[in-house]
Amino acid sequence: MPNGEDRNWVRLCITVNGFRARYQKWPETALLSKGLAENIKRMFKPLDYEAVLTKLEIVEVADEGHIELVDKAGNSFKYGEERDFEPDVDASSWFGVTPDVHNHL
């Protein structure tokens, strides 16, 4: 389990990778607990966060620690659902940005 400053971003990317591997397409919406969504937003400079939102709509939900990706076709993937998957393209490459915390290490 990721434990660094960017752990929630890493968890989101793991979940994106799982969605991509299972459905061979990218998710459209991330259902995230409010605290997790706020944490991810704070990790990025404003323009970089906007780049994230061009790829993935973020919707806050009440469940604590919730990370679930969905699309309009009804496909769904939750963080921790599977562990052994290999997407054809990595989520970090797809997003094209990295959290600003990496610039301070």
N, C-alpha and C. Protein backbone atom coordinates (compact mmCIF):
# COMPACT_ATOMS: atom_id res chain seq x y z
N MET A 1 0.84 -1.18 0.00
CA MET A 1 0.00 0.00 0.00
C MET A 1 0.89 1.24 0.00
N PRO A 2 0.61 2.21 -0.87
CA PRO A 2 1.40 3.44 -0.93
C PRO A 2 1.27 4.24 0.36
N ASN A 3 2.38 4.84 0.82
CA ASN A 3 2.35 5.59 2.07
C ASN A 3 3.01 6.95 2.01
N GLY A 4 3.52 7.37 0.87
CA GLY A 4 4.19 8.66 0.77
C GLY A 4 3.21 9.82 0.71
N GLU A 5 3.76 11.03 0.54
CA GLU A 5 2.92 12.23 0.44
C GLU A 5 1.90 12.13 -0.68
N ASP A 6 2.28 11.45 -1.74
CA ASP A 6 1.40 11.34 -2.91
C ASP A 6 0.62 10.03 -2.93
N ARG A 7 0.44 9.39 -1.77
CA ARG A 7 -0.18 8.06 -1.70
C ARG A 7 -1.57 8.01 -2.33
N ASN A 8 -2.37 9.07 -2.17
CA ASN A 8 -3.71 9.03 -2.75
C ASN A 8 -3.66 9.15 -4.27
N TRP A 9 -2.71 9.91 -4.77
CA TRP A 9 -2.51 9.98 -6.23
C TRP A 9 -2.07 8.61 -6.76
N VAL A 10 -1.15 7.97 -6.05
CA VAL A 10 -0.69 6.64 -6.46
C VAL A 10 -1.85 5.66 -6.45
N ARG A 11 -2.69 5.72 -5.43
CA ARG A 11 -3.86 4.83 -5.36
C ARG A 11 -4.81 5.08 -6.52
N LEU A 12 -5.02 6.36 -6.85
CA LEU A 12 -5.88 6.67 -7.99
C LEU A 12 -5.28 6.11 -9.28
N CYS A 13 -3.98 6.28 -9.47
CA CYS A 13 -3.32 5.77 -10.68
C CYS A 13 -3.39 4.24 -10.73
N ILE A 14 -3.23 3.58 -9.61
CA ILE A 14 -3.36 2.11 -9.58
C ILE A 14 -4.76 1.71 -10.03
N THR A 15 -5.76 2.44 -9.57
CA THR A 15 -7.15 2.14 -9.92
C THR A 15 -7.40 2.41 -11.40
N VAL A 16 -6.84 3.50 -11.93
CA VAL A 16 -6.95 3.79 -13.36
C VAL A 16 -6.31 2.66 -14.17
N ASN A 17 -5.15 2.21 -13.73
CA ASN A 17 -4.47 1.10 -14.42
C ASN A 17 -5.34 -0.15 -14.42
N GLY A 18 -5.99 -0.43 -13.30
CA GLY A 18 -6.86 -1.60 -13.21
C GLY A 18 -8.06 -1.48 -14.14
N PHE A 19 -8.67 -0.30 -14.19
CA PHE A 19 -9.81 -0.07 -15.08
C PHE A 19 -9.37 -0.28 -16.52
N ARG A 20 -8.23 0.32 -16.87
CA ARG A 20 -7.71 0.21 -18.25
C ARG A 20 -7.42 -1.25 -18.62
N ALA A 21 -6.82 -1.98 -17.71
CA ALA A 21 -6.49 -3.37 -17.98
C ALA A 21 -7.75 -4.22 -18.15
N ARG A 22 -8.75 -3.97 -17.33
CA ARG A 22 -9.98 -4.77 -17.39
C ARG A 22 -10.84 -4.45 -18.62
N TYR A 23 -10.99 -3.18 -18.95
CA TYR A 23 -11.94 -2.78 -20.00
C TYR A 23 -11.30 -2.31 -21.31
N GLN A 24 -9.98 -2.20 -21.36
CA GLN A 24 -9.25 -1.71 -22.54
C GLN A 24 -9.71 -0.33 -22.98
N LYS A 25 -10.11 0.49 -22.03
CA LYS A 25 -10.43 1.89 -22.28
C LYS A 25 -10.24 2.66 -20.98
N TRP A 26 -10.24 3.98 -21.09
CA TRP A 26 -10.01 4.81 -19.91
C TRP A 26 -11.32 5.09 -19.20
N PRO A 27 -11.26 5.27 -17.88
CA PRO A 27 -12.47 5.65 -17.15
C PRO A 27 -12.84 7.09 -17.46
N GLU A 28 -14.07 7.45 -17.14
CA GLU A 28 -14.53 8.81 -17.38
C GLU A 28 -14.72 9.60 -16.09
N THR A 29 -15.06 8.89 -15.02
CA THR A 29 -15.38 9.55 -13.75
C THR A 29 -14.73 8.83 -12.59
N ALA A 30 -14.20 9.61 -11.65
CA ALA A 30 -13.66 9.05 -10.41
C ALA A 30 -14.60 9.43 -9.27
N LEU A 31 -15.08 8.43 -8.55
CA LEU A 31 -15.89 8.66 -7.36
C LEU A 31 -14.94 8.55 -6.17
N LEU A 32 -14.67 9.68 -5.54
CA LEU A 32 -13.68 9.75 -4.47
C LEU A 32 -14.29 10.33 -3.21
N SER A 33 -13.85 9.83 -2.05
CA SER A 33 -14.28 10.45 -0.80
C SER A 33 -13.80 11.90 -0.81
N LYS A 34 -14.53 12.76 -0.10
CA LYS A 34 -14.22 14.19 -0.11
C LYS A 34 -12.78 14.48 0.30
N GLY A 35 -12.32 13.88 1.39
CA GLY A 35 -10.96 14.13 1.86
C GLY A 35 -9.91 13.70 0.86
N LEU A 36 -10.15 12.58 0.22
CA LEU A 36 -9.22 12.07 -0.78
C LEU A 36 -9.18 13.00 -1.99
N ALA A 37 -10.35 13.43 -2.45
CA ALA A 37 -10.43 14.34 -3.60
C ALA A 37 -9.70 15.65 -3.30
N GLU A 38 -9.90 16.19 -2.09
CA GLU A 38 -9.24 17.44 -1.71
C GLU A 38 -7.73 17.25 -1.61
N ASN A 39 -7.30 16.11 -1.08
CA ASN A 39 -5.87 15.83 -0.97
C ASN A 39 -5.21 15.79 -2.34
N ILE A 40 -5.85 15.11 -3.28
CA ILE A 40 -5.29 15.02 -4.64
C ILE A 40 -5.22 16.41 -5.27
N LYS A 41 -6.26 17.20 -5.12
CA LYS A 41 -6.27 18.55 -5.70
C LYS A 41 -5.12 19.40 -5.16
N ARG A 42 -4.85 19.30 -3.85
CA ARG A 42 -3.78 20.10 -3.23
C ARG A 42 -2.39 19.70 -3.70
N MET A 43 -2.26 18.52 -4.26
CA MET A 43 -0.93 18.06 -4.71
C MET A 43 -0.46 18.73 -5.99
N PHE A 44 -1.37 19.35 -6.72
CA PHE A 44 -1.06 19.87 -8.04
C PHE A 44 -1.11 21.39 -8.10
N LYS A 45 -0.30 21.93 -8.97
CA LYS A 45 -0.45 23.33 -9.35
C LYS A 45 -1.78 23.43 -10.09
N PRO A 46 -2.43 24.61 -10.07
CA PRO A 46 -3.76 24.73 -10.69
C PRO A 46 -3.85 24.24 -12.14
N LEU A 47 -2.88 24.62 -12.98
CA LEU A 47 -2.94 24.19 -14.39
C LEU A 47 -2.77 22.68 -14.53
N ASP A 48 -1.93 22.09 -13.69
CA ASP A 48 -1.75 20.64 -13.73
C ASP A 48 -3.01 19.92 -13.27
N TYR A 49 -3.67 20.47 -12.26
CA TYR A 49 -4.92 19.84 -11.79
C TYR A 49 -5.99 19.94 -12.88
N GLU A 50 -6.02 21.06 -13.58
CA GLU A 50 -6.97 21.19 -14.71
C GLU A 50 -6.69 20.13 -15.77
N ALA A 51 -5.42 19.81 -15.99
CA ALA A 51 -5.06 18.75 -16.94
C ALA A 51 -5.62 17.40 -16.48
N VAL A 52 -5.57 17.15 -15.18
CA VAL A 52 -6.16 15.92 -14.63
C VAL A 52 -7.66 15.89 -14.94
N LEU A 53 -8.32 17.02 -14.71
CA LEU A 53 -9.78 17.08 -14.92
C LEU A 53 -10.19 16.98 -16.38
N THR A 54 -9.27 17.25 -17.31
CA THR A 54 -9.61 17.05 -18.72
C THR A 54 -9.69 15.56 -19.05
N LYS A 55 -9.04 14.74 -18.23
CA LYS A 55 -9.04 13.29 -18.44
C LYS A 55 -10.11 12.59 -17.62
N LEU A 56 -10.38 13.09 -16.42
CA LEU A 56 -11.20 12.36 -15.46
C LEU A 56 -12.03 13.34 -14.63
N GLU A 57 -13.35 13.21 -14.72
CA GLU A 57 -14.22 14.00 -13.86
C GLU A 57 -14.12 13.44 -12.44
N ILE A 58 -14.00 14.32 -11.47
CA ILE A 58 -13.92 13.88 -10.08
C ILE A 58 -15.22 14.25 -9.36
N VAL A 59 -15.87 13.25 -8.80
CA VAL A 59 -17.12 13.43 -8.07
C VAL A 59 -16.89 12.97 -6.63
N GLU A 60 -17.21 13.84 -5.68
CA GLU A 60 -17.03 13.49 -4.27
C GLU A 60 -18.21 12.66 -3.77
N VAL A 61 -17.89 11.63 -2.96
CA VAL A 61 -18.90 10.77 -2.36
C VAL A 61 -18.68 10.73 -0.85
N ALA A 62 -19.69 10.28 -0.12
CA ALA A 62 -19.64 10.30 1.35
C ALA A 62 -18.75 9.20 1.93
N ASP A 63 -18.59 8.09 1.26
CA ASP A 63 -17.83 6.97 1.81
C ASP A 63 -16.38 7.34 2.04
N GLU A 64 -15.88 7.11 3.25
CA GLU A 64 -14.49 7.41 3.60
C GLU A 64 -13.52 6.49 2.86
N GLY A 65 -12.49 7.07 2.28
CA GLY A 65 -11.46 6.28 1.61
C GLY A 65 -11.90 5.63 0.31
N HIS A 66 -12.97 6.11 -0.28
CA HIS A 66 -13.55 5.49 -1.48
C HIS A 66 -12.83 5.94 -2.74
N ILE A 67 -12.42 4.96 -3.55
CA ILE A 67 -11.87 5.21 -4.88
C ILE A 67 -12.52 4.23 -5.83
N GLU A 68 -13.35 4.75 -6.72
CA GLU A 68 -14.02 3.92 -7.72
C GLU A 68 -14.06 4.68 -9.04
N LEU A 69 -13.77 3.97 -10.10
CA LEU A 69 -13.80 4.57 -11.44
C LEU A 69 -14.94 3.97 -12.23
N VAL A 70 -15.62 4.82 -12.99
CA VAL A 70 -16.77 4.37 -13.76
C VAL A 70 -16.75 5.03 -15.14
N ASP A 71 -17.58 4.49 -16.02
CA ASP A 71 -17.81 5.15 -17.30
C ASP A 71 -19.30 5.09 -17.63
N LYS A 72 -19.68 5.73 -18.73
CA LYS A 72 -21.10 5.82 -19.10
C LYS A 72 -21.69 4.47 -19.50
N ALA A 73 -20.84 3.51 -19.84
CA ALA A 73 -21.32 2.18 -20.22
C ALA A 73 -21.66 1.32 -19.00
N GLY A 74 -21.38 1.85 -17.80
CA GLY A 74 -21.67 1.10 -16.58
C GLY A 74 -20.50 0.28 -16.05
N ASN A 75 -19.35 0.40 -16.68
CA ASN A 75 -18.16 -0.29 -16.18
C ASN A 75 -17.68 0.37 -14.90
N SER A 76 -17.15 -0.44 -13.99
CA SER A 76 -16.73 0.05 -12.70
C SER A 76 -15.50 -0.72 -12.21
N PHE A 77 -14.61 -0.01 -11.53
CA PHE A 77 -13.43 -0.64 -10.93
C PHE A 77 -13.11 0.10 -9.64
N LYS A 78 -13.01 -0.64 -8.53
CA LYS A 78 -12.70 -0.05 -7.23
C LYS A 78 -11.26 -0.35 -6.84
N TYR A 79 -10.65 0.59 -6.14
CA TYR A 79 -9.30 0.41 -5.63
C TYR A 79 -9.26 -0.85 -4.76
N GLY A 80 -8.27 -1.70 -5.01
CA GLY A 80 -8.09 -2.91 -4.22
C GLY A 80 -8.86 -4.12 -4.73
N GLU A 81 -9.65 -3.95 -5.80
CA GLU A 81 -10.45 -5.05 -6.34
C GLU A 81 -9.58 -6.17 -6.89
N GLU A 82 -8.56 -5.82 -7.59
CA GLU A 82 -7.62 -6.78 -8.18
C GLU A 82 -6.22 -6.24 -7.99
N ARG A 83 -5.25 -7.11 -8.04
CA ARG A 83 -3.88 -6.66 -7.88
C ARG A 83 -2.99 -7.02 -9.08
N ASP A 84 -3.33 -8.03 -9.79
CA ASP A 84 -2.48 -8.50 -10.90
C ASP A 84 -3.05 -8.06 -12.24
N PHE A 85 -2.62 -6.90 -12.69
CA PHE A 85 -3.06 -6.42 -14.00
C PHE A 85 -1.95 -5.61 -14.64
N GLU A 86 -1.95 -5.62 -15.95
CA GLU A 86 -0.97 -4.85 -16.70
C GLU A 86 -1.66 -4.12 -17.83
N PRO A 87 -1.89 -2.82 -17.66
CA PRO A 87 -2.51 -2.06 -18.75
C PRO A 87 -1.53 -1.86 -19.89
N ASP A 88 -2.06 -1.60 -21.06
CA ASP A 88 -1.20 -1.35 -22.21
C ASP A 88 -0.52 0.02 -22.14
N VAL A 89 -1.14 0.96 -21.42
CA VAL A 89 -0.59 2.30 -21.21
C VAL A 89 -0.74 2.63 -19.73
N ASP A 90 0.28 3.17 -19.15
CA ASP A 90 0.29 3.51 -17.73
C ASP A 90 -0.53 4.78 -17.45
N ALA A 91 -1.21 4.82 -16.32
CA ALA A 91 -2.04 5.97 -15.95
C ALA A 91 -1.23 7.25 -15.87
N SER A 92 -0.03 7.19 -15.35
CA SER A 92 0.81 8.40 -15.25
C SER A 92 1.07 9.00 -16.62
N SER A 93 1.31 8.16 -17.60
CA SER A 93 1.51 8.64 -18.97
C SER A 93 0.23 9.24 -19.52
N TRP A 94 -0.89 8.60 -19.24
CA TRP A 94 -2.19 9.08 -19.72
C TRP A 94 -2.50 10.46 -19.15
N PHE A 95 -2.32 10.63 -17.84
CA PHE A 95 -2.59 11.94 -17.23
C PHE A 95 -1.62 12.99 -17.74
N GLY A 96 -0.37 12.63 -17.93
CA GLY A 96 0.62 13.56 -18.46
C GLY A 96 1.12 14.59 -17.46
N VAL A 97 0.79 14.44 -16.19
CA VAL A 97 1.25 15.35 -15.15
C VAL A 97 1.65 14.54 -13.92
N THR A 98 2.47 15.14 -13.08
CA THR A 98 2.83 14.51 -11.81
C THR A 98 2.54 15.49 -10.69
N PRO A 99 2.27 14.98 -9.50
CA PRO A 99 1.99 15.88 -8.38
C PRO A 99 3.17 16.81 -8.12
N ASP A 100 2.87 18.00 -7.66
CA ASP A 100 3.88 19.01 -7.36
C ASP A 100 4.77 18.58 -6.20
N VAL A 101 4.31 17.63 -5.37
CA VAL A 101 5.14 17.19 -4.24
C VAL A 101 6.46 16.61 -4.74
N HIS A 102 6.49 16.09 -5.97
CA HIS A 102 7.72 15.54 -6.52
C HIS A 102 8.76 16.62 -6.80
N ASN A 103 8.32 17.85 -6.96
CA ASN A 103 9.22 18.96 -7.24
C ASN A 103 9.91 19.47 -5.97
N HIS A 104 9.47 19.00 -4.81
CA HIS A 104 10.03 19.48 -3.55
C HIS A 104 10.88 18.43 -2.86
N LEU A 105 11.02 17.25 -3.45
CA LEU A 105 11.78 16.17 -2.80
C LEU A 105 13.27 16.34 -3.01
